[in-house]
Protein backbone atom coordinates (compact mmCIF):
# COMPACT_ATOMS: atom_id res chain seq x y z
CA MET A 1 -170.88 161.94 82.09
CA ASN A 2 -170.48 165.72 82.53
CA VAL A 3 -173.45 167.94 81.59
CA PRO A 4 -172.96 171.57 81.27
CA ALA A 5 -174.92 173.77 83.60
CA GLU A 6 -175.91 176.08 80.75
CA ILE A 7 -176.46 175.52 77.19
CA PRO A 8 -174.18 177.93 75.00
CA ARG A 9 -176.22 180.90 73.51
CA ASP A 10 -174.91 180.26 69.89
CA ILE A 11 -176.39 176.92 69.84
CA LEU A 12 -179.86 178.34 70.38
CA GLN A 13 -179.71 181.10 67.66
CA PRO A 14 -181.97 180.29 64.79
CA VAL A 15 -180.11 179.97 61.25
CA THR A 16 -181.02 182.77 58.91
CA ARG A 17 -178.57 182.24 56.28
CA GLU A 18 -180.21 181.02 52.89
CA PRO A 19 -178.21 178.84 50.61
CA GLU A 20 -177.33 180.69 47.19
CA GLU A 21 -179.66 178.08 45.30
CA ASP A 22 -182.64 179.20 47.22
CA LYS A 23 -182.38 182.85 45.81
CA LYS A 24 -183.34 181.85 42.32
CA LYS A 25 -186.49 183.39 41.00
CA TYR A 26 -189.08 181.13 39.36
CA THR A 27 -192.33 181.83 37.37
CA TYR A 28 -195.17 179.47 37.94
CA ILE A 29 -198.43 179.08 35.85
CA VAL A 30 -201.28 177.84 37.69
CA ARG A 31 -204.25 176.36 35.60
CA PHE A 32 -207.68 175.75 37.26
CA LEU A 33 -208.61 172.77 35.04
CA LYS A 34 -212.00 171.83 36.90
CA ILE A 35 -213.99 173.69 39.31
CA THR A 36 -217.29 172.25 40.79
CA ASN A 37 -218.97 172.10 44.00
CA THR A 38 -217.03 168.98 45.01
CA THR A 39 -213.83 168.99 42.91
CA LEU A 40 -210.91 171.27 42.29
CA LEU A 41 -208.31 170.31 39.83
CA ILE A 42 -205.40 172.41 39.35
CA GLU A 43 -202.08 172.09 37.37
CA VAL A 44 -198.88 173.98 38.21
CA THR A 45 -196.32 174.60 35.64
CA GLN A 46 -192.83 176.07 36.32
CA LEU A 47 -191.08 178.20 33.83
CA ASN A 48 -187.41 179.23 33.84
CA ASP A 49 -186.31 175.91 34.66
CA ALA A 50 -182.54 175.51 35.12
CA VAL A 51 -182.36 173.49 32.09
CA ALA A 52 -182.73 175.60 28.87
CA ASN A 53 -185.73 177.46 30.05
CA PHE A 54 -188.01 174.48 29.21
CA PRO A 55 -191.31 174.77 31.03
CA HIS A 56 -192.50 171.53 32.76
CA ARG A 57 -195.42 170.56 34.84
CA ILE A 58 -194.42 170.10 38.62
CA MET A 59 -197.87 169.41 40.11
CA ARG A 60 -201.34 168.30 39.30
CA LEU A 61 -203.49 168.25 42.26
CA GLU A 62 -207.28 167.05 42.34
CA GLN A 63 -209.08 167.84 45.58
CA LYS A 64 -212.31 166.15 46.57
CA VAL A 65 -214.46 168.16 48.97
CA GLU A 66 -217.53 166.60 50.93
CA LYS A 67 -220.38 169.03 50.68
CA LYS A 68 -221.68 169.81 54.10
CA SER A 69 -224.74 171.85 54.97
CA SER A 70 -224.55 173.92 57.98
CA THR A 71 -227.28 175.75 59.53
CA VAL A 72 -226.93 178.41 62.15
């Protein structure tokens, strides 16, 4: 098996070209539904959908946080 002594430089260059579909602009609405000391509930809605500008919810996230006391 022959192994090249040096890796060609063009293989090591990062790819910077972005596909055309990644250049679309979207608008998001973020609603904070519940904020307490231990819970954060958010809902993200995307506008300008590709299908007839119909808004739809893309994420609903609830995060529980342990309350930790710290002393300095």
